[in-house]
N, C-alpha and C. Protein backbone atom coordinates (compact mmCIF):
# COMPACT_ATOMS: atom_id res chain seq x y z
N MET A 1 -38.06 -152.12 10.81
CA MET A 1 -39.29 -152.38 10.29
C MET A 1 -38.96 -154.52 9.90
N ASP A 2 -38.23 -154.09 9.45
CA ASP A 2 -37.35 -155.91 9.59
C ASP A 2 -38.28 -156.76 10.25
N LEU A 3 -37.73 -156.46 11.44
CA LEU A 3 -37.55 -156.92 12.91
C LEU A 3 -39.04 -156.68 13.22
N ILE A 4 -39.51 -156.49 12.68
CA ILE A 4 -41.54 -155.70 13.13
C ILE A 4 -41.71 -156.75 13.09
N ARG A 5 -41.48 -156.70 11.23
CA ARG A 5 -42.42 -157.76 10.49
C ARG A 5 -42.65 -158.90 10.85
N GLN A 6 -40.69 -159.50 11.18
CA GLN A 6 -40.79 -160.75 11.69
C GLN A 6 -41.18 -161.58 12.50
N THR A 7 -40.86 -160.66 13.75
CA THR A 7 -41.48 -160.76 15.18
C THR A 7 -43.19 -161.12 14.46
N GLN A 8 -43.93 -160.15 14.59
CA GLN A 8 -45.25 -160.36 13.92
C GLN A 8 -45.53 -161.70 12.61
N GLU A 9 -45.17 -161.73 12.15
CA GLU A 9 -44.98 -163.92 11.31
C GLU A 9 -44.45 -164.33 12.26
N LEU A 10 -43.54 -164.25 13.18
CA LEU A 10 -43.58 -165.83 13.76
C LEU A 10 -44.62 -165.36 15.42
N ALA A 11 -45.18 -164.90 15.23
CA ALA A 11 -46.41 -164.76 16.52
C ALA A 11 -47.62 -165.22 16.02
N THR A 12 -47.41 -164.69 14.88
CA THR A 12 -49.05 -165.39 14.00
C THR A 12 -48.91 -166.72 13.68
N GLU A 13 -47.39 -167.21 12.88
CA GLU A 13 -47.75 -168.57 12.93
C GLU A 13 -47.52 -169.61 14.32
N ALA A 14 -47.20 -169.17 15.17
CA ALA A 14 -47.00 -169.51 15.96
C ALA A 14 -48.73 -170.05 17.13
N THR A 15 -48.50 -168.76 17.12
CA THR A 15 -50.53 -169.01 17.62
C THR A 15 -51.32 -169.64 16.80
N ALA A 16 -50.78 -169.59 15.71
CA ALA A 16 -51.89 -170.52 14.91
C ALA A 16 -52.81 -171.14 15.14
N GLY A 17 -54.50 -171.26 15.61
CA GLY A 17 -55.01 -172.58 15.95
C GLY A 17 -55.55 -172.38 18.04
N ALA A 18 -54.34 -171.64 18.24
CA ALA A 18 -53.81 -171.18 19.26
C ALA A 18 -55.07 -170.27 20.17
N LYS A 19 -55.99 -169.36 19.71
CA LYS A 19 -56.55 -168.99 20.52
C LYS A 19 -58.33 -169.40 20.26
N ALA A 20 -58.93 -170.48 18.48
CA ALA A 20 -59.58 -170.60 19.73
C ALA A 20 -59.50 -172.33 19.94
N GLU A 21 -57.88 -173.12 20.36
CA GLU A 21 -58.39 -173.69 21.25
C GLU A 21 -58.61 -173.33 22.32
N ALA A 22 -58.49 -172.25 22.87
CA ALA A 22 -57.82 -171.58 24.34
C ALA A 22 -59.30 -171.27 25.17
N VAL A 23 -60.04 -171.04 23.51
CA VAL A 23 -61.23 -170.41 24.14
C VAL A 23 -62.51 -171.55 23.91
N GLU A 24 -62.39 -172.55 23.28
CA GLU A 24 -62.24 -174.06 23.92
C GLU A 24 -62.37 -174.15 25.00
N ILE A 25 -60.89 -174.55 24.71
CA ILE A 25 -61.26 -175.09 26.57
C ILE A 25 -61.87 -174.27 27.72
N ALA A 26 -61.61 -172.91 27.33
CA ALA A 26 -61.86 -171.90 28.23
C ALA A 26 -63.57 -172.22 28.93
N ALA A 27 -64.15 -171.83 27.74
CA ALA A 27 -65.79 -172.99 27.76
C ALA A 27 -66.24 -173.82 28.19
N ALA A 28 -65.14 -175.18 28.18
CA ALA A 28 -65.33 -175.91 28.47
C ALA A 28 -65.32 -176.02 30.34
N ALA A 29 -64.14 -175.35 30.77
CA ALA A 29 -64.13 -174.75 31.75
C ALA A 29 -64.93 -174.28 32.51
N GLY A 30 -65.66 -173.28 32.15
CA GLY A 30 -66.71 -172.51 32.91
C GLY A 30 -67.62 -173.27 32.99
N GLY A 31 -68.00 -173.67 32.26
CA GLY A 31 -69.37 -175.15 31.82
C GLY A 31 -68.91 -176.46 32.96
N TYR A 32 -68.38 -176.89 33.45
CA TYR A 32 -67.42 -177.61 34.50
C TYR A 32 -67.91 -178.07 35.44
N LEU A 33 -68.78 -179.04 36.25
CA LEU A 33 -69.15 -178.97 37.75
C LEU A 33 -68.66 -179.55 38.15
N VAL A 34 -68.05 -179.10 39.64
CA VAL A 34 -67.45 -180.74 40.31
C VAL A 34 -68.15 -180.77 41.11
N GLN A 35 -68.26 -182.44 41.67
CA GLN A 35 -69.26 -182.37 42.47
C GLN A 35 -68.64 -183.80 43.51
N THR A 36 -67.94 -184.48 42.78
CA THR A 36 -67.64 -186.09 42.94
C THR A 36 -66.33 -186.29 43.44
N GLU A 37 -65.45 -186.64 43.93
CA GLU A 37 -63.79 -186.44 43.90
C GLU A 37 -63.41 -187.03 43.00
N ASP A 38 -63.88 -187.83 41.41
CA ASP A 38 -63.47 -187.86 40.54
C ASP A 38 -63.57 -186.71 39.76
N GLN A 39 -64.62 -185.96 39.53
CA GLN A 39 -64.43 -184.78 39.00
C GLN A 39 -63.33 -183.70 39.39
N ALA A 40 -63.25 -183.59 40.91
CA ALA A 40 -62.04 -182.89 41.50
C ALA A 40 -60.59 -183.92 40.51
N SER A 41 -60.79 -184.94 41.01
CA SER A 41 -59.20 -185.52 39.80
C SER A 41 -59.37 -184.81 39.00
N ILE A 42 -60.29 -185.66 38.20
CA ILE A 42 -60.16 -184.86 36.36
C ILE A 42 -59.51 -182.93 37.05
N ALA A 43 -60.62 -181.79 37.26
CA ALA A 43 -60.03 -181.22 37.03
C ALA A 43 -58.76 -181.19 36.98
N ILE A 44 -58.86 -180.98 38.20
CA ILE A 44 -57.21 -180.52 38.98
C ILE A 44 -55.83 -181.25 37.64
N ALA A 45 -56.38 -182.37 37.63
CA ALA A 45 -56.07 -183.36 36.01
C ALA A 45 -55.90 -181.54 35.07
N THR A 46 -57.00 -181.73 34.55
CA THR A 46 -56.71 -180.59 33.57
C THR A 46 -56.61 -179.17 33.84
N VAL A 47 -56.34 -178.44 35.28
CA VAL A 47 -56.05 -177.48 35.51
C VAL A 47 -54.17 -177.59 35.24
N ARG A 48 -53.67 -178.73 34.98
CA ARG A 48 -52.09 -178.99 35.22
C ARG A 48 -52.09 -179.28 33.20
N ASP A 49 -52.69 -179.25 32.75
CA ASP A 49 -52.42 -179.43 31.26
C ASP A 49 -53.02 -178.15 30.80
N ILE A 50 -53.82 -177.39 31.98
CA ILE A 50 -54.16 -176.24 30.74
C ILE A 50 -52.40 -175.12 31.34
N LYS A 51 -52.27 -175.38 32.23
CA LYS A 51 -50.86 -174.82 32.59
C LYS A 51 -49.86 -174.43 32.15
N ALA A 52 -49.59 -176.35 31.50
CA ALA A 52 -48.54 -176.16 30.67
C ALA A 52 -48.66 -175.84 29.06
N LYS A 53 -49.97 -175.60 28.66
CA LYS A 53 -50.51 -175.45 27.52
C LYS A 53 -50.03 -173.38 27.99
N ARG A 54 -50.72 -172.88 29.13
CA ARG A 54 -49.92 -171.21 28.85
C ARG A 54 -48.78 -171.16 29.42
N LYS A 55 -48.27 -172.15 30.26
CA LYS A 55 -46.58 -171.35 30.16
C LYS A 55 -45.61 -171.58 28.44
N ALA A 56 -46.08 -172.84 28.40
CA ALA A 56 -45.51 -173.23 27.09
C ALA A 56 -45.78 -172.16 25.96
N LEU A 57 -47.17 -171.17 25.41
CA LEU A 57 -47.41 -169.91 24.58
C LEU A 57 -46.42 -168.75 25.20
N GLU A 58 -46.99 -168.96 26.46
CA GLU A 58 -45.86 -167.54 27.40
C GLU A 58 -44.18 -167.31 26.94
N ALA A 59 -43.31 -168.62 26.94
CA ALA A 59 -42.31 -169.41 26.92
C ALA A 59 -41.78 -168.47 25.16
N LYS A 60 -42.90 -169.62 24.57
CA LYS A 60 -42.96 -168.66 22.57
C LYS A 60 -43.15 -167.54 22.46
N ARG A 61 -43.99 -166.82 23.40
CA ARG A 61 -44.07 -165.47 23.19
C ARG A 61 -42.89 -164.87 23.53
N ALA A 62 -42.02 -165.19 24.79
CA ALA A 62 -40.89 -164.56 25.50
C ALA A 62 -39.83 -164.71 24.43
N SER A 63 -39.72 -166.16 23.70
CA SER A 63 -38.44 -166.26 22.94
C SER A 63 -38.30 -165.38 21.73
N ILE A 64 -39.80 -165.53 20.95
CA ILE A 64 -39.99 -164.20 19.89
C ILE A 64 -39.72 -162.22 20.05
N LEU A 65 -40.62 -162.45 21.48
CA LEU A 65 -40.19 -161.14 22.21
C LEU A 65 -38.71 -160.62 21.96
N GLY A 66 -38.07 -161.76 22.61
CA GLY A 66 -36.69 -161.29 22.76
C GLY A 66 -35.67 -160.79 22.43
N PRO A 67 -35.56 -161.13 20.91
CA PRO A 67 -34.96 -159.43 20.65
C PRO A 67 -35.44 -158.65 20.22
N MET A 68 -36.88 -158.22 20.63
CA MET A 68 -37.09 -156.95 20.11
C MET A 68 -36.96 -156.34 20.99
N SER A 69 -37.72 -157.24 22.59
CA SER A 69 -37.38 -156.72 23.61
C SER A 69 -36.01 -155.98 23.70
N GLN A 70 -34.57 -156.61 23.70
CA GLN A 70 -33.55 -156.49 23.64
C GLN A 70 -32.77 -154.74 22.52
N ALA A 71 -33.57 -155.06 21.89
CA ALA A 71 -33.68 -154.01 20.82
C ALA A 71 -34.16 -152.61 20.94
N VAL A 72 -34.92 -152.77 22.27
CA VAL A 72 -36.35 -151.60 22.94
C VAL A 72 -34.96 -151.23 23.69
N ASP A 73 -34.08 -152.49 24.80
CA ASP A 73 -33.43 -152.00 25.61
C ASP A 73 -32.59 -151.14 24.99
N GLU A 74 -31.73 -151.26 24.12
CA GLU A 74 -30.58 -150.96 23.86
C GLU A 74 -30.63 -149.56 23.33
N ILE A 75 -32.21 -149.17 22.86
CA ILE A 75 -32.40 -147.81 22.33
C ILE A 75 -33.15 -146.94 23.60
N LYS A 76 -33.48 -148.08 24.06
CA LYS A 76 -34.06 -146.93 25.66
C LYS A 76 -32.65 -146.39 26.70
N ALA A 77 -31.45 -147.66 26.56
CA ALA A 77 -30.23 -147.25 26.81
C ALA A 77 -29.43 -146.20 26.01
N LEU A 78 -29.69 -145.95 24.75
CA LEU A 78 -29.06 -144.61 24.13
C LEU A 78 -29.70 -143.04 24.53
N PHE A 79 -31.53 -142.86 24.52
CA PHE A 79 -32.03 -142.24 25.35
C PHE A 79 -31.84 -141.72 26.42
N ASN A 80 -31.67 -142.93 27.56
CA ASN A 80 -31.54 -142.48 29.37
C ASN A 80 -31.09 -141.52 29.76
N PRO A 81 -29.80 -141.30 29.21
CA PRO A 81 -28.69 -140.83 29.73
C PRO A 81 -29.64 -138.91 29.78
N ALA A 82 -29.34 -138.98 28.65
CA ALA A 82 -29.80 -137.71 28.41
C ALA A 82 -31.61 -137.39 28.75
N ILE A 83 -31.94 -138.29 28.71
CA ILE A 83 -33.44 -137.86 29.25
C ILE A 83 -33.06 -138.02 31.09
N LYS A 84 -32.30 -138.74 31.21
CA LYS A 84 -32.26 -138.66 33.44
C LYS A 84 -31.59 -137.39 33.12
N ALA A 85 -30.83 -136.88 32.62
CA ALA A 85 -29.81 -135.24 32.99
C ALA A 85 -31.23 -134.16 33.07
N LEU A 86 -31.73 -133.96 31.98
CA LEU A 86 -33.04 -133.05 31.59
C LEU A 86 -33.93 -133.29 32.89
N GLU A 87 -34.38 -134.45 33.19
CA GLU A 87 -35.20 -134.94 34.12
C GLU A 87 -34.74 -134.52 35.76
N GLN A 88 -33.34 -135.11 35.78
CA GLN A 88 -32.80 -133.87 37.35
C GLN A 88 -32.32 -132.38 37.36
N ALA A 89 -32.56 -132.06 35.95
CA ALA A 89 -32.01 -130.73 35.81
C ALA A 89 -33.42 -129.66 36.54
N GLU A 90 -35.10 -129.96 35.56
CA GLU A 90 -36.11 -130.22 35.72
C GLU A 90 -36.54 -129.89 37.22
N LYS A 91 -35.61 -130.95 37.96
CA LYS A 91 -36.16 -131.33 39.83
C LYS A 91 -35.49 -130.41 39.99
N ASP A 92 -33.61 -130.17 39.82
CA ASP A 92 -33.06 -129.04 40.54
C ASP A 92 -34.12 -127.85 40.18
N LEU A 93 -34.92 -127.71 39.86
CA LEU A 93 -35.03 -126.18 39.22
C LEU A 93 -35.96 -125.73 40.05
N LYS A 94 -37.02 -126.54 39.91
CA LYS A 94 -38.03 -126.55 40.76
C LYS A 94 -37.81 -126.67 41.91
N GLY A 95 -37.11 -127.59 42.73
CA GLY A 95 -37.00 -127.46 44.06
C GLY A 95 -36.21 -126.18 44.54
N GLU A 96 -35.57 -125.33 43.37
CA GLU A 96 -35.29 -124.61 43.99
C GLU A 96 -36.32 -123.03 43.63
N VAL A 97 -37.37 -123.19 42.84
CA VAL A 97 -38.66 -122.31 42.62
C VAL A 97 -39.47 -122.86 44.55
N VAL A 98 -39.74 -123.57 44.34
CA VAL A 98 -40.02 -123.90 45.36
C VAL A 98 -39.84 -123.33 47.20
N GLN A 99 -38.62 -123.78 46.54
CA GLN A 99 -37.92 -123.76 48.24
C GLN A 99 -37.65 -121.54 48.22
N TRP A 100 -37.31 -121.02 47.18
CA TRP A 100 -37.71 -120.15 47.26
C TRP A 100 -39.29 -119.64 47.32
N GLY A 101 -40.20 -120.04 47.10
CA GLY A 101 -41.52 -119.76 47.89
C GLY A 101 -41.79 -120.36 48.78
N GLU A 102 -41.60 -120.97 49.28
CA GLU A 102 -41.39 -121.54 50.95
C GLU A 102 -40.68 -120.53 51.36
N ASP A 103 -40.08 -119.65 51.43
CA ASP A 103 -39.23 -119.20 52.00
C ASP A 103 -40.05 -117.72 52.24
N ARG A 104 -40.25 -117.59 51.44
CA ARG A 104 -41.27 -116.05 51.11
C ARG A 104 -42.54 -116.71 51.54
N ILE A 105 -42.94 -117.26 51.98
CA ILE A 105 -44.02 -117.09 53.01
C ILE A 105 -44.02 -117.57 54.19
N SER A 106 -42.92 -118.29 54.06
CA SER A 106 -42.43 -118.59 55.78
C SER A 106 -42.12 -116.95 56.60
N ASP A 107 -41.01 -115.83 56.08
CA ASP A 107 -40.92 -115.16 56.11
C ASP A 107 -42.77 -113.98 56.26
N ALA A 108 -43.44 -113.82 55.73
CA ALA A 108 -44.00 -113.37 55.38
C ALA A 108 -44.85 -114.34 56.82
N ASP A 109 -44.82 -115.12 57.04
CA ASP A 109 -46.12 -116.22 57.89
C ASP A 109 -45.08 -115.37 60.16
N THR A 110 -44.42 -115.18 59.74
CA THR A 110 -42.83 -114.70 60.34
C THR A 110 -43.74 -113.67 60.96
N LEU A 111 -43.82 -112.40 59.80
CA LEU A 111 -44.60 -110.69 60.25
C LEU A 111 -45.37 -111.08 60.80
N LEU A 112 -46.13 -112.09 59.86
CA LEU A 112 -48.03 -111.23 60.73
C LEU A 112 -48.08 -111.72 62.01
N GLU A 113 -47.29 -113.29 62.40
CA GLU A 113 -46.77 -113.18 64.00
C GLU A 113 -47.04 -112.27 64.90
N ALA A 114 -45.48 -111.93 64.24
CA ALA A 114 -45.75 -110.93 65.34
C ALA A 114 -46.63 -109.71 65.55
N VAL A 115 -46.90 -109.20 64.16
CA VAL A 115 -48.18 -108.47 64.07
C VAL A 115 -48.99 -109.51 65.15
N GLY A 116 -49.85 -110.75 64.79
CA GLY A 116 -50.39 -110.95 66.18
C GLY A 116 -50.36 -110.98 67.58
N ARG A 117 -49.39 -110.88 67.33
CA ARG A 117 -48.31 -110.89 69.50
C ARG A 117 -48.87 -109.47 69.56
N GLY A 118 -48.45 -108.56 69.37
CA GLY A 118 -48.87 -107.23 68.95
C GLY A 118 -47.69 -106.51 69.40
N GLU A 119 -46.33 -107.28 68.48
CA GLU A 119 -44.78 -106.47 69.22
C GLU A 119 -44.53 -105.68 68.37
N LEU A 120 -45.21 -105.31 67.80
CA LEU A 120 -44.96 -104.44 66.53
C LEU A 120 -45.45 -102.78 67.00
N GLY A 121 -44.53 -101.44 67.02
CA GLY A 121 -45.80 -100.60 67.35
C GLY A 121 -46.34 -100.24 65.91
N GLU A 122 -47.43 -98.78 65.24
CA GLU A 122 -48.85 -98.80 64.96
C GLU A 122 -48.39 -98.49 63.01
N ILE A 123 -46.90 -98.61 62.91
CA ILE A 123 -46.49 -98.23 61.34
C ILE A 123 -45.43 -99.47 61.80
N GLU A 124 -44.65 -100.23 61.91
CA GLU A 124 -43.72 -101.43 61.54
C GLU A 124 -45.17 -102.57 61.41
N THR A 125 -46.54 -102.42 62.42
CA THR A 125 -47.55 -102.97 61.57
C THR A 125 -47.94 -103.53 60.38
N LYS A 126 -48.13 -101.64 59.78
CA LYS A 126 -48.51 -101.22 58.72
C LYS A 126 -47.80 -101.85 57.54
N ALA A 127 -46.04 -101.39 58.19
CA ALA A 127 -44.89 -102.22 57.07
C ALA A 127 -44.98 -103.20 57.11
N ALA A 128 -45.28 -103.63 58.25
CA ALA A 128 -44.87 -105.29 57.92
C ALA A 128 -46.36 -106.22 57.36
N LEU A 129 -47.25 -105.83 57.95
CA LEU A 129 -48.96 -106.55 56.58
C LEU A 129 -48.49 -105.60 55.07
N VAL A 130 -47.92 -105.36 55.00
CA VAL A 130 -47.31 -103.97 53.42
C VAL A 130 -46.46 -105.54 52.66
N GLU A 131 -45.23 -106.03 53.35
CA GLU A 131 -44.17 -106.38 53.64
C GLU A 131 -44.74 -108.09 53.36
N ALA A 132 -45.79 -108.37 54.55
CA ALA A 132 -46.42 -109.84 54.08
C ALA A 132 -47.00 -109.80 52.64
N ARG A 133 -47.91 -108.98 52.76
CA ARG A 133 -48.86 -109.41 51.73
C ARG A 133 -47.27 -108.78 50.41
N GLU A 134 -47.05 -108.78 50.18
CA GLU A 134 -45.82 -108.58 48.85
C GLU A 134 -45.50 -110.05 48.56
N LEU A 135 -45.21 -110.53 49.95
CA LEU A 135 -44.21 -111.69 49.88
C LEU A 135 -45.10 -112.73 49.48
N THR A 136 -46.54 -112.35 49.62
CA THR A 136 -47.49 -113.88 48.74
C THR A 136 -47.57 -113.48 48.13
N THR A 137 -48.02 -112.62 47.36
CA THR A 137 -48.43 -111.83 46.67
C THR A 137 -48.30 -111.66 44.86
N PHE A 138 -48.04 -112.81 44.96
CA PHE A 138 -46.99 -112.48 42.98
C PHE A 138 -47.80 -113.26 42.15
N GLU A 139 -47.09 -113.10 40.78
CA GLU A 139 -48.12 -113.41 39.69
C GLU A 139 -46.47 -114.19 39.22
N ILE A 140 -46.15 -115.61 39.07
CA ILE A 140 -45.16 -116.03 37.94
C ILE A 140 -45.82 -116.93 37.52
N PRO A 141 -46.34 -117.39 35.70
CA PRO A 141 -46.73 -118.37 34.81
C PRO A 141 -46.06 -119.38 35.19
N GLY A 142 -46.46 -120.38 35.77
CA GLY A 142 -46.33 -121.70 35.47
C GLY A 142 -45.73 -122.15 37.87
N TYR A 143 -46.21 -121.08 38.22
CA TYR A 143 -46.08 -120.94 39.57
C TYR A 143 -47.29 -121.05 39.94
N HIS A 144 -47.52 -121.72 41.25
CA HIS A 144 -48.89 -121.16 42.19
C HIS A 144 -48.67 -121.43 43.67
N VAL A 145 -48.80 -121.04 44.56
CA VAL A 145 -48.79 -121.30 45.37
C VAL A 145 -50.63 -121.94 46.37
N GLN A 146 -50.69 -123.11 46.57
CA GLN A 146 -51.59 -124.02 47.34
C GLN A 146 -51.77 -124.32 48.89
N ALA A 147 -52.68 -124.57 49.09
CA ALA A 147 -52.74 -124.48 50.72
C ALA A 147 -53.02 -126.04 50.43
N ARG A 148 -52.60 -127.06 51.37
CA ARG A 148 -52.99 -128.26 51.05
C ARG A 148 -53.14 -128.73 53.46
N TRP A 149 -54.10 -128.91 54.16
CA TRP A 149 -54.75 -128.71 55.36
C TRP A 149 -53.80 -130.33 54.99
N THR A 150 -53.12 -130.34 56.55
CA THR A 150 -53.13 -131.30 57.42
C THR A 150 -52.97 -131.92 58.62
N GLY A 151 -52.17 -132.96 59.41
CA GLY A 151 -52.63 -132.46 60.58
C GLY A 151 -51.72 -133.75 61.54
N GLU A 152 -52.22 -133.52 62.45
CA GLU A 152 -51.13 -134.03 64.00
C GLU A 152 -52.42 -134.67 65.26
N VAL A 153 -51.47 -136.11 65.45
CA VAL A 153 -52.57 -135.46 66.49
C VAL A 153 -51.63 -135.76 68.09
N THR A 154 -52.59 -134.36 68.35
CA THR A 154 -51.74 -134.35 69.60
C THR A 154 -52.00 -134.92 71.06
N ASP A 155 -53.24 -135.90 71.03
CA ASP A 155 -54.13 -136.53 72.02
C ASP A 155 -54.62 -137.24 71.54
N ALA A 156 -54.31 -138.47 71.62
CA ALA A 156 -55.16 -139.47 71.10
C ALA A 156 -56.56 -139.83 72.14
N GLU A 157 -55.88 -139.30 73.26
CA GLU A 157 -56.92 -140.31 74.83
C GLU A 157 -57.92 -138.87 74.32
N ALA A 158 -58.00 -137.72 73.83
CA ALA A 158 -58.88 -136.79 73.91
C ALA A 158 -59.64 -136.81 72.56
N LEU A 159 -59.57 -138.14 71.53
CA LEU A 159 -59.99 -137.96 70.54
C LEU A 159 -61.16 -138.97 70.51
N PRO A 160 -62.45 -137.99 69.65
CA PRO A 160 -63.60 -139.04 69.70
C PRO A 160 -63.49 -140.46 69.57
N ARG A 161 -64.20 -140.84 69.69
CA ARG A 161 -64.56 -142.38 69.49
C ARG A 161 -64.10 -142.60 68.33
N GLU A 162 -64.75 -142.43 67.59
CA GLU A 162 -64.96 -142.62 65.34
C GLU A 162 -63.38 -142.36 64.78
N TYR A 163 -62.55 -141.48 65.57
CA TYR A 163 -61.76 -141.61 64.65
C TYR A 163 -60.35 -142.32 65.19
N LEU A 164 -60.95 -143.69 66.38
CA LEU A 164 -59.63 -143.82 66.69
C LEU A 164 -59.70 -145.35 66.01
N VAL A 165 -59.49 -145.70 64.70
CA VAL A 165 -59.60 -146.95 63.77
C VAL A 165 -58.27 -147.85 64.04
N PRO A 166 -59.10 -149.00 64.89
CA PRO A 166 -58.17 -149.88 65.02
C PRO A 166 -56.96 -150.59 64.22
N ASP A 167 -55.98 -150.78 64.07
CA ASP A 167 -55.43 -151.82 62.84
C ASP A 167 -55.21 -153.20 62.96
N GLU A 168 -55.82 -153.03 61.75
CA GLU A 168 -56.78 -154.32 61.34
C GLU A 168 -55.38 -155.26 60.59
N VAL A 169 -54.67 -154.37 60.31
CA VAL A 169 -53.94 -155.14 59.54
C VAL A 169 -52.33 -156.21 60.49
N ALA A 170 -52.21 -155.14 61.66
CA ALA A 170 -51.97 -156.27 62.88
C ALA A 170 -52.71 -156.63 63.53
N LEU A 171 -53.79 -156.59 63.61
CA LEU A 171 -54.51 -158.00 64.08
C LEU A 171 -54.82 -159.10 63.10
N ARG A 172 -54.65 -158.79 62.34
CA ARG A 172 -55.00 -160.23 61.73
C ARG A 172 -53.49 -160.83 61.46
N LYS A 173 -52.64 -160.15 61.55
CA LYS A 173 -50.86 -161.09 61.14
C LYS A 173 -50.62 -161.23 62.70
N LEU A 174 -51.66 -160.90 63.78
CA LEU A 174 -51.42 -161.26 65.21
C LEU A 174 -52.48 -162.63 65.37
N THR A 175 -53.45 -162.94 64.79
CA THR A 175 -53.22 -163.79 64.33
C THR A 175 -54.05 -164.92 64.08
N GLN A 176 -52.57 -165.07 62.99
CA GLN A 176 -52.53 -165.53 61.95
C GLN A 176 -50.70 -166.28 62.41
N LYS A 177 -50.86 -165.78 62.99
CA LYS A 177 -49.08 -166.11 63.37
C LYS A 177 -49.65 -166.89 65.32
N ALA A 178 -51.19 -166.78 65.29
CA ALA A 178 -50.96 -167.44 66.54
C ALA A 178 -51.71 -169.09 66.31
N LYS A 179 -52.05 -168.54 64.96
CA LYS A 179 -52.97 -169.42 64.58
C LYS A 179 -54.17 -170.15 65.04
N GLN A 180 -54.29 -169.01 65.64
CA GLN A 180 -56.23 -169.30 66.83
C GLN A 180 -56.10 -168.06 67.53
N ASP A 181 -57.00 -167.74 67.97
CA ASP A 181 -58.29 -166.40 68.76
C ASP A 181 -56.89 -165.91 69.70
N PRO A 182 -55.56 -164.89 69.09
CA PRO A 182 -55.69 -164.31 69.89
C PRO A 182 -55.99 -164.02 71.31
N GLY A 183 -57.22 -163.65 72.04
CA GLY A 183 -58.08 -163.31 72.59
C GLY A 183 -57.30 -162.25 72.98
N ILE A 184 -57.97 -161.65 72.29
CA ILE A 184 -57.99 -159.74 72.28
C ILE A 184 -58.99 -158.81 72.85
N PRO A 185 -59.65 -158.23 73.43
CA PRO A 185 -61.14 -158.14 73.86
C PRO A 185 -61.31 -156.97 72.50
N GLY A 186 -62.19 -157.57 72.35
CA GLY A 186 -62.78 -155.74 71.30
C GLY A 186 -62.65 -157.20 69.73
N TRP A 187 -61.77 -158.13 69.99
CA TRP A 187 -61.58 -158.51 68.21
C TRP A 187 -61.76 -160.50 68.40
N ARG A 188 -62.42 -161.22 67.06
CA ARG A 188 -62.55 -162.50 67.32
C ARG A 188 -60.81 -163.10 65.66
N GLY A 189 -60.79 -164.18 66.53
CA GLY A 189 -60.10 -164.23 65.44
C GLY A 189 -60.88 -165.27 65.15
N PHE A 190 -60.18 -166.11 63.40
CA PHE A 190 -61.19 -167.30 63.30
C PHE A 190 -60.54 -167.90 61.70
N ALA A 191 -60.83 -169.51 61.82
CA ALA A 191 -60.03 -169.68 60.90
C ALA A 191 -61.10 -169.74 59.19
N LYS A 192 -60.74 -169.12 58.14
CA LYS A 192 -61.04 -169.32 56.83
C LYS A 192 -60.73 -170.12 56.28
N ARG A 193 -61.29 -171.84 55.57
CA ARG A 193 -61.01 -172.25 55.30
C ARG A 193 -61.02 -172.69 53.70
N THR A 194 -60.04 -172.76 52.71
CA THR A 194 -60.37 -172.14 51.28
C THR A 194 -59.77 -173.39 50.67
N GLY A 195 -59.82 -173.82 49.58
CA GLY A 195 -59.09 -174.85 48.91
C GLY A 195 -58.39 -174.11 47.67
N VAL A 196 -56.68 -174.46 47.28
CA VAL A 196 -55.38 -174.30 46.70
C VAL A 196 -55.13 -175.86 45.21
N VAL A 197 -55.74 -175.39 44.65
CA VAL A 197 -55.19 -176.09 43.41
C VAL A 197 -54.04 -176.23 43.15
N LYS A 198 -52.75 -176.66 42.50
CA LYS A 198 -51.45 -176.51 42.45
C LYS A 198 -51.06 -177.25 41.06
């Protein structure tokens, strides 16, 4: 508790007046209009001053929080081995249960496919349907089967046009690398000019 109190006192002392000054600077910056080169030069110089103030505050914060961060890291390090072991145990057991359930579903699907193909006689078909139901119908608290639909492209040319989405990321990268319009039909490359203040 002493470390926390000391850290709070140091932070309070270090930030005395800083918030009011920062709010004042932010208000002035928000109302500043740049309409001439001189005003732009003043704004850039002010940006450098603001950046220096911000970095000084960040450095002071880091120096105050350093011992606390170190203590937090040391405490985490003490707990981590036990937590990681329990996480691994949980993951392993969940994986086993999920695999068991997936194996049952797969076995049921195999039986139902055999029934669907008409490979079984009447008695075998009834038995297969009962077994498939038993394999997929069970209640265990904390476990359930969910159906998550997905798909895959089997013939890109057969897909309706609205599902053929251009890879705009790749096209932008190509345009950026070429530093001009790459001349690809259906695509227009252009330069967007923006100012950068450092």
